[in-house]
Amino acid sequence: MAKKKKGEQESKKNQQKKKDKMLEDKTFGMKNKNKSKKVQSYIKSVSTSIMNSGDPKQRKLDEQRRKTKADAKARKKAADEERNALFGVSIYYDQEYLYKELLD
């Protein structure tokens, strides 16, 4: 069996499975036994702390990636809307016409 290299990280699925297992272990028997506010709040606090656990640097990087991806998507959508407002549908017909000319 091959050993893991130090640089390799666990997959996100495996990390999520471990977190789910840890959450289940910590709240075992509490969900059905007592439905009081205290138990519900404890379960909620434990689940949020476990799901947010991990490497803070990695979480920050993931958050930045999501933010940049959303910004890029918004910029692309705005550019498309601006192009459509300026040129309308004629650009698409011109592109199709040129494409057909190249094929012939």
Foldseek 3Di string as FASTA:
>chain_A
DDDDDPPDDDDPVVLVVVLVVVLCVVCPPLVPPDPDPVSVVVSVVSSVCSVPDDDPVVVVVVVVVVVVVVVVVVVVVVVVVVCCVVPNCVVVVVVVVVVVVVVD
